All heavy atoms as atom14 arrays in JSON, in Angstrom:
{
  "sequence": "ESGGGLVQAGGSLRLSCAASGRTFSNYAMAWFRQ",
  "atom14_mask": [
    [1, 1, 1, 1, 1, 1, 1, 1, 1, 0, 0, 0, 0, 0],
    [1, 1, 1, 1, 1, 1, 0, 0, 0, 0, 0, 0, 0, 0],
    [1, 1, 1, 1, 0, 0, 0, 0, 0, 0, 0, 0, 0, 0],
    [1, 1, 1, 1, 0, 0, 0, 0, 0, 0, 0, 0, 0, 0],
    [1, 1, 1, 1, 0, 0, 0, 0, 0, 0, 0, 0, 0, 0],
    [1, 1, 1, 1, 1, 1, 1, 1, 0, 0, 0, 0, 0, 0],
    [1, 1, 1, 1, 1, 1, 1, 0, 0, 0, 0, 0, 0, 0],
    [1, 1, 1, 1, 1, 1, 1, 1, 1, 0, 0, 0, 0, 0],
    [1, 1, 1, 1, 1, 0, 0, 0, 0, 0, 0, 0, 0, 0],
    [1, 1, 1, 1, 0, 0, 0, 0, 0, 0, 0, 0, 0, 0],
    [1, 1, 1, 1, 0, 0, 0, 0, 0, 0, 0, 0, 0, 0],
    [1, 1, 1, 1, 1, 1, 0, 0, 0, 0, 0, 0, 0, 0],
    [1, 1, 1, 1, 1, 1, 1, 1, 0, 0, 0, 0, 0, 0],
    [1, 1, 1, 1, 1, 1, 1, 1, 1, 1, 1, 0, 0, 0],
    [1, 1, 1, 1, 1, 1, 1, 1, 0, 0, 0, 0, 0, 0],
    [1, 1, 1, 1, 1, 1, 0, 0, 0, 0, 0, 0, 0, 0],
    [1, 1, 1, 1, 1, 1, 0, 0, 0, 0, 0, 0, 0, 0],
    [1, 1, 1, 1, 1, 0, 0, 0, 0, 0, 0, 0, 0, 0],
    [1, 1, 1, 1, 1, 0, 0, 0, 0, 0, 0, 0, 0, 0],
    [1, 1, 1, 1, 1, 1, 0, 0, 0, 0, 0, 0, 0, 0],
    [1, 1, 1, 1, 0, 0, 0, 0, 0, 0, 0, 0, 0, 0],
    [1, 1, 1, 1, 1, 1, 1, 1, 1, 1, 1, 0, 0, 0],
    [1, 1, 1, 1, 1, 1, 1, 0, 0, 0, 0, 0, 0, 0],
    [1, 1, 1, 1, 1, 1, 1, 1, 1, 1, 1, 0, 0, 0],
    [1, 1, 1, 1, 1, 1, 0, 0, 0, 0, 0, 0, 0, 0],
    [1, 1, 1, 1, 1, 1, 1, 1, 0, 0, 0, 0, 0, 0],
    [1, 1, 1, 1, 1, 1, 1, 1, 1, 1, 1, 1, 0, 0],
    [1, 1, 1, 1, 1, 0, 0, 0, 0, 0, 0, 0, 0, 0],
    [1, 1, 1, 1, 1, 1, 1, 1, 0, 0, 0, 0, 0, 0],
    [1, 1, 1, 1, 1, 0, 0, 0, 0, 0, 0, 0, 0, 0],
    [1, 1, 1, 1, 1, 1, 1, 1, 1, 1, 1, 1, 1, 1],
    [1, 1, 1, 1, 1, 1, 1, 1, 1, 1, 1, 0, 0, 0],
    [1, 1, 1, 1, 1, 1, 1, 1, 1, 1, 1, 0, 0, 0],
    [1, 1, 1, 1, 1, 1, 1, 1, 1, 0, 0, 0, 0, 0]
  ],
  "atom14_positions": [
    [[0.83, -1.2, 0.0], [0.0, 0.0, 0.0], [0.86, 1.26, 0.0], [2.0, 1.25, 0.48], [-0.91, 0.06, 1.24], [-1.86, -1.11, 1.4], [-1.33, -2.15, 2.35], [-0.09, -2.24, 2.51], [-2.13, -2.89, 2.96], [0.0, 0.0, 0.0], [0.0, 0.0, 0.0], [0.0, 0.0, 0.0], [0.0, 0.0, 0.0], [0.0, 0.0, 0.0]],
    [[0.29, 2.33, -0.52], [0.94, 3.64, -0.48], [-0.13, 4.71, -0.56], [-1.29, 4.42, -0.87], [1.95, 3.79, -1.63], [1.29, 3.67, -2.88], [0.0, 0.0, 0.0], [0.0, 0.0, 0.0], [0.0, 0.0, 0.0], [0.0, 0.0, 0.0], [0.0, 0.0, 0.0], [0.0, 0.0, 0.0], [0.0, 0.0, 0.0], [0.0, 0.0, 0.0]],
    [[0.28, 5.94, -0.27], [-0.62, 7.08, -0.42], [-1.2, 7.62, 0.86], [-1.9, 8.63, 0.85], [0.0, 0.0, 0.0], [0.0, 0.0, 0.0], [0.0, 0.0, 0.0], [0.0, 0.0, 0.0], [0.0, 0.0, 0.0], [0.0, 0.0, 0.0], [0.0, 0.0, 0.0], [0.0, 0.0, 0.0], [0.0, 0.0, 0.0], [0.0, 0.0, 0.0]],
    [[-0.92, 6.98, 1.98], [-1.41, 7.5, 3.24], [-0.7, 8.77, 3.64], [0.28, 9.19, 3.01], [0.0, 0.0, 0.0], [0.0, 0.0, 0.0], [0.0, 0.0, 0.0], [0.0, 0.0, 0.0], [0.0, 0.0, 0.0], [0.0, 0.0, 0.0], [0.0, 0.0, 0.0], [0.0, 0.0, 0.0], [0.0, 0.0, 0.0], [0.0, 0.0, 0.0]],
    [[-1.2, 9.4, 4.69], [-0.58, 10.63, 5.17], [-1.49, 11.39, 6.09], [-2.51, 10.88, 6.56], [0.0, 0.0, 0.0], [0.0, 0.0, 0.0], [0.0, 0.0, 0.0], [0.0, 0.0, 0.0], [0.0, 0.0, 0.0], [0.0, 0.0, 0.0], [0.0, 0.0, 0.0], [0.0, 0.0, 0.0], [0.0, 0.0, 0.0], [0.0, 0.0, 0.0]],
    [[-1.1, 12.64, 6.33], [-1.86, 13.54, 7.2], [-2.66, 14.51, 6.33], [-2.1, 15.13, 5.41], [-0.9, 14.31, 8.1], [-1.5, 15.4, 8.99], [-2.46, 14.79, 9.99], [-0.39, 16.17, 9.7], [0.0, 0.0, 0.0], [0.0, 0.0, 0.0], [0.0, 0.0, 0.0], [0.0, 0.0, 0.0], [0.0, 0.0, 0.0], [0.0, 0.0, 0.0]],
    [[-3.94, 14.63, 6.62], [-4.81, 15.5, 5.84], [-5.81, 16.17, 6.78], [-6.17, 15.6, 7.81], [-5.53, 14.7, 4.73], [-6.44, 13.64, 5.32], [-6.28, 15.61, 3.77], [0.0, 0.0, 0.0], [0.0, 0.0, 0.0], [0.0, 0.0, 0.0], [0.0, 0.0, 0.0], [0.0, 0.0, 0.0], [0.0, 0.0, 0.0], [0.0, 0.0, 0.0]],
    [[-6.22, 17.36, 6.42], [-7.21, 18.05, 7.23], [-8.6, 17.5, 6.96], [-8.89, 16.98, 5.87], [-7.19, 19.55, 6.92], [-5.98, 20.28, 7.46], [-6.1, 21.78, 7.31], [-6.79, 22.28, 6.41], [-5.44, 22.51, 8.19], [0.0, 0.0, 0.0], [0.0, 0.0, 0.0], [0.0, 0.0, 0.0], [0.0, 0.0, 0.0], [0.0, 0.0, 0.0]],
    [[-9.46, 17.62, 7.94], [-10.84, 17.2, 7.77], [-11.45, 17.91, 6.56], [-11.22, 19.1, 6.36], [-11.64, 17.51, 9.03], [0.0, 0.0, 0.0], [0.0, 0.0, 0.0], [0.0, 0.0, 0.0], [0.0, 0.0, 0.0], [0.0, 0.0, 0.0], [0.0, 0.0, 0.0], [0.0, 0.0, 0.0], [0.0, 0.0, 0.0], [0.0, 0.0, 0.0]],
    [[-12.19, 17.14, 5.77], [-12.77, 17.66, 4.55], [-11.91, 17.45, 3.33], [-12.36, 17.67, 2.2], [0.0, 0.0, 0.0], [0.0, 0.0, 0.0], [0.0, 0.0, 0.0], [0.0, 0.0, 0.0], [0.0, 0.0, 0.0], [0.0, 0.0, 0.0], [0.0, 0.0, 0.0], [0.0, 0.0, 0.0], [0.0, 0.0, 0.0], [0.0, 0.0, 0.0]],
    [[-10.67, 17.04, 3.55], [-9.75, 16.84, 2.46], [-9.88, 15.47, 1.8], [-10.78, 14.69, 2.12], [0.0, 0.0, 0.0], [0.0, 0.0, 0.0], [0.0, 0.0, 0.0], [0.0, 0.0, 0.0], [0.0, 0.0, 0.0], [0.0, 0.0, 0.0], [0.0, 0.0, 0.0], [0.0, 0.0, 0.0], [0.0, 0.0, 0.0], [0.0, 0.0, 0.0]],
    [[-8.94, 15.2, 0.9], [-8.97, 13.97, 0.11], [-7.61, 13.28, 0.1], [-6.58, 13.93, 0.24], [-9.38, 14.27, -1.34], [-10.66, 14.86, -1.4], [0.0, 0.0, 0.0], [0.0, 0.0, 0.0], [0.0, 0.0, 0.0], [0.0, 0.0, 0.0], [0.0, 0.0, 0.0], [0.0, 0.0, 0.0], [0.0, 0.0, 0.0], [0.0, 0.0, 0.0]],
    [[-7.65, 11.98, -0.07], [-6.45, 11.17, -0.26], [-6.8, 10.05, -1.23], [-7.95, 9.62, -1.32], [-5.96, 10.56, 1.04], [-5.12, 11.4, 2.0], [-4.81, 10.6, 3.26], [-3.83, 11.87, 1.35], [0.0, 0.0, 0.0], [0.0, 0.0, 0.0], [0.0, 0.0, 0.0], [0.0, 0.0, 0.0], [0.0, 0.0, 0.0], [0.0, 0.0, 0.0]],
    [[-5.77, 9.57, -1.91], [-5.92, 8.42, -2.79], [-4.91, 7.36, -2.39], [-3.69, 7.59, -2.5], [-5.7, 8.79, -4.24], [-6.04, 7.69, -5.23], [-5.53, 8.02, -6.61], [-6.16, 7.23, -7.66], [-5.59, 6.99, -8.84], [-4.4, 7.49, -9.12], [-6.24, 6.3, -9.75], [0.0, 0.0, 0.0], [0.0, 0.0, 0.0], [0.0, 0.0, 0.0]],
    [[-5.4, 6.23, -1.92], [-4.54, 5.12, -1.57], [-4.38, 4.19, -2.76], [-5.31, 4.0, -3.55], [-5.12, 4.33, -0.4], [-5.45, 5.12, 0.88], [-5.93, 4.16, 1.96], [-4.26, 5.93, 1.35], [0.0, 0.0, 0.0], [0.0, 0.0, 0.0], [0.0, 0.0, 0.0], [0.0, 0.0, 0.0], [0.0, 0.0, 0.0], [0.0, 0.0, 0.0]],
    [[-3.2, 3.61, -2.86], [-2.91, 2.63, -3.9], [-2.42, 1.35, -3.26], [-1.79, 1.38, -2.2], [-1.85, 3.15, -4.87], [-2.27, 4.33, -5.51], [0.0, 0.0, 0.0], [0.0, 0.0, 0.0], [0.0, 0.0, 0.0], [0.0, 0.0, 0.0], [0.0, 0.0, 0.0], [0.0, 0.0, 0.0], [0.0, 0.0, 0.0], [0.0, 0.0, 0.0]],
    [[-2.67, 0.24, -3.92], [-2.17, -1.06, -3.47], [-1.69, -1.81, -4.69], [-2.49, -2.18, -5.56], [-3.26, -1.82, -2.74], [-2.81, -3.52, -2.32], [0.0, 0.0, 0.0], [0.0, 0.0, 0.0], [0.0, 0.0, 0.0], [0.0, 0.0, 0.0], [0.0, 0.0, 0.0], [0.0, 0.0, 0.0], [0.0, 0.0, 0.0], [0.0, 0.0, 0.0]],
    [[-0.39, -2.02, -4.77], [0.21, -2.72, -5.89], [0.38, -4.19, -5.55], [0.93, -4.52, -4.49], [1.55, -2.09, -6.24], [0.0, 0.0, 0.0], [0.0, 0.0, 0.0], [0.0, 0.0, 0.0], [0.0, 0.0, 0.0], [0.0, 0.0, 0.0], [0.0, 0.0, 0.0], [0.0, 0.0, 0.0], [0.0, 0.0, 0.0], [0.0, 0.0, 0.0]],
    [[-0.08, -5.05, -6.45], [-0.01, -6.49, -6.22], [1.03, -7.13, -7.13], [1.28, -6.66, -8.25], [-1.37, -7.12, -6.47], [0.0, 0.0, 0.0], [0.0, 0.0, 0.0], [0.0, 0.0, 0.0], [0.0, 0.0, 0.0], [0.0, 0.0, 0.0], [0.0, 0.0, 0.0], [0.0, 0.0, 0.0], [0.0, 0.0, 0.0], [0.0, 0.0, 0.0]],
    [[1.6, -8.21, -6.65], [2.54, -8.98, -7.45], [2.5, -10.44, -7.0], [1.99, -10.75, -5.92], [3.96, -8.43, -7.32], [4.42, -8.51, -5.99], [0.0, 0.0, 0.0], [0.0, 0.0, 0.0], [0.0, 0.0, 0.0], [0.0, 0.0, 0.0], [0.0, 0.0, 0.0], [0.0, 0.0, 0.0], [0.0, 0.0, 0.0], [0.0, 0.0, 0.0]],
    [[3.02, -11.31, -7.84], [3.17, -12.7, -7.46], [2.21, -13.66, -8.12], [2.56, -14.8, -8.4], [0.0, 0.0, 0.0], [0.0, 0.0, 0.0], [0.0, 0.0, 0.0], [0.0, 0.0, 0.0], [0.0, 0.0, 0.0], [0.0, 0.0, 0.0], [0.0, 0.0, 0.0], [0.0, 0.0, 0.0], [0.0, 0.0, 0.0], [0.0, 0.0, 0.0]],
    [[0.97, -13.25, -8.3], [-0.04, -14.09, -8.95], [-0.85, -13.23, -9.91], [-0.68, -12.0, -9.96], [-0.97, -14.71, -7.91], [-0.31, -15.71, -6.97], [-0.23, -17.09, -7.59], [0.43, -18.06, -6.71], [-0.21, -18.82, -5.83], [-1.53, -18.71, -5.69], [0.46, -19.68, -5.09], [0.0, 0.0, 0.0], [0.0, 0.0, 0.0], [0.0, 0.0, 0.0]],
    [[-1.72, -13.85, -10.68], [-2.55, -13.11, -11.63], [-3.55, -12.26, -10.88], [-4.47, -12.76, -10.25], [-3.27, -14.07, -12.58], [-2.32, -14.9, -13.25], [-4.07, -13.3, -13.6], [0.0, 0.0, 0.0], [0.0, 0.0, 0.0], [0.0, 0.0, 0.0], [0.0, 0.0, 0.0], [0.0, 0.0, 0.0], [0.0, 0.0, 0.0], [0.0, 0.0, 0.0]],
    [[-3.35, -10.95, -10.96], [-4.15, -10.02, -10.16], [-5.64, -10.15, -10.44], [-6.46, -10.08, -9.51], [-3.67, -8.6, -10.47], [-4.39, -7.51, -9.73], [-4.22, -7.37, -8.35], [-5.21, -6.61, -10.38], [-4.86, -6.36, -7.66], [-5.86, -5.61, -9.71], [-5.69, -5.48, -8.34], [0.0, 0.0, 0.0], [0.0, 0.0, 0.0], [0.0, 0.0, 0.0]],
    [[-6.0, -10.36, -11.68], [-7.41, -10.4, -12.04], [-8.13, -11.64, -11.52], [-9.35, -11.75, -11.69], [-7.57, -10.3, -13.57], [-6.89, -11.37, -14.2], [0.0, 0.0, 0.0], [0.0, 0.0, 0.0], [0.0, 0.0, 0.0], [0.0, 0.0, 0.0], [0.0, 0.0, 0.0], [0.0, 0.0, 0.0], [0.0, 0.0, 0.0], [0.0, 0.0, 0.0]],
    [[-7.45, -12.54, -10.88], [-8.08, -13.71, -10.28], [-8.6, -13.43, -8.87], [-9.23, -14.29, -8.26], [-7.09, -14.87, -10.19], [-6.88, -15.55, -11.53], [-7.64, -15.34, -12.47], [-5.84, -16.35, -11.62], [0.0, 0.0, 0.0], [0.0, 0.0, 0.0], [0.0, 0.0, 0.0], [0.0, 0.0, 0.0], [0.0, 0.0, 0.0], [0.0, 0.0, 0.0]],
    [[-8.34, -12.23, -8.37], [-8.62, -11.93, -6.97], [-9.57, -10.75, -6.81], [-9.37, -9.69, -7.42], [-7.33, -11.63, -6.22], [-6.41, -12.82, -6.15], [-5.51, -13.1, -7.18], [-6.46, -13.7, -5.08], [-4.7, -14.21, -7.15], [-5.64, -14.82, -5.03], [-4.77, -15.07, -6.07], [-3.96, -16.17, -6.02], [0.0, 0.0, 0.0], [0.0, 0.0, 0.0]],
    [[-10.6, -10.96, -5.98], [-11.35, -9.83, -5.48], [-10.45, -9.08, -4.51], [-9.62, -9.7, -3.82], [-12.62, -10.3, -4.79], [0.0, 0.0, 0.0], [0.0, 0.0, 0.0], [0.0, 0.0, 0.0], [0.0, 0.0, 0.0], [0.0, 0.0, 0.0], [0.0, 0.0, 0.0], [0.0, 0.0, 0.0], [0.0, 0.0, 0.0], [0.0, 0.0, 0.0]],
    [[-10.64, -7.78, -4.45], [-9.8, -6.94, -3.6], [-10.65, -6.13, -2.64], [-11.81, -5.82, -2.93], [-8.97, -5.99, -4.46], [-8.05, -6.67, -5.47], [-6.78, -7.68, -4.68], [-5.85, -6.41, -3.8], [0.0, 0.0, 0.0], [0.0, 0.0, 0.0], [0.0, 0.0, 0.0], [0.0, 0.0, 0.0], [0.0, 0.0, 0.0], [0.0, 0.0, 0.0]],
    [[-10.05, -5.79, -1.53], [-10.79, -5.0, -0.54], [-9.82, -4.12, 0.25], [-8.62, -4.38, 0.3], [-11.55, -5.91, 0.42], [0.0, 0.0, 0.0], [0.0, 0.0, 0.0], [0.0, 0.0, 0.0], [0.0, 0.0, 0.0], [0.0, 0.0, 0.0], [0.0, 0.0, 0.0], [0.0, 0.0, 0.0], [0.0, 0.0, 0.0], [0.0, 0.0, 0.0]],
    [[-10.4, -3.09, 0.83], [-9.7, -2.25, 1.8], [-10.37, -2.43, 3.16], [-11.59, -2.42, 3.27], [-9.76, -0.79, 1.39], [-8.92, -0.45, 0.2], [-9.3, -0.43, -1.11], [-7.53, -0.08, 0.21], [-8.25, -0.08, -1.91], [-7.14, 0.15, -1.13], [-6.58, 0.08, 1.22], [-5.85, 0.52, -1.48], [-5.29, 0.46, 0.87], [-4.93, 0.68, -0.47]],
    [[-9.53, -2.59, 4.16], [-9.96, -2.62, 5.55], [-9.19, -1.52, 6.29], [-8.21, -1.0, 5.79], [-9.62, -3.97, 6.19], [-10.47, -5.12, 5.71], [-10.24, -5.7, 4.47], [-11.51, -5.62, 6.49], [-11.03, -6.76, 4.02], [-12.28, -6.67, 6.06], [-12.05, -7.25, 4.82], [0.0, 0.0, 0.0], [0.0, 0.0, 0.0], [0.0, 0.0, 0.0]],
    [[-9.66, -1.21, 7.48], [-8.93, -0.24, 8.3], [-9.02, -0.63, 9.76], [-9.94, -1.34, 10.19], [-9.47, 1.18, 8.1], [-10.89, 1.4, 8.59], [-11.37, 2.8, 8.2], [-12.71, 3.07, 8.67], [-13.42, 4.15, 8.37], [-12.89, 5.1, 7.59], [-14.64, 4.32, 8.85], [0.0, 0.0, 0.0], [0.0, 0.0, 0.0], [0.0, 0.0, 0.0]],
    [[-8.04, -0.17, 10.51], [-8.01, -0.46, 11.94], [-7.48, 0.76, 12.68], [-6.35, 1.19, 12.45], [-7.13, -1.68, 12.23], [-7.19, -2.14, 13.68], [-6.59, -3.51, 13.87], [-5.87, -4.03, 13.02], [-6.92, -4.14, 14.99], [0.0, 0.0, 0.0], [0.0, 0.0, 0.0], [0.0, 0.0, 0.0], [0.0, 0.0, 0.0], [0.0, 0.0, 0.0]]
  ]
}
């Protein structure tokens, strides 16, 4: 993952997640948070 950071309320961010190792299109993808 990349793209995280500090942002003010009301602002925007774009997270990215780069995959490797297997055929990416074979997998459903999701974002979780903790």
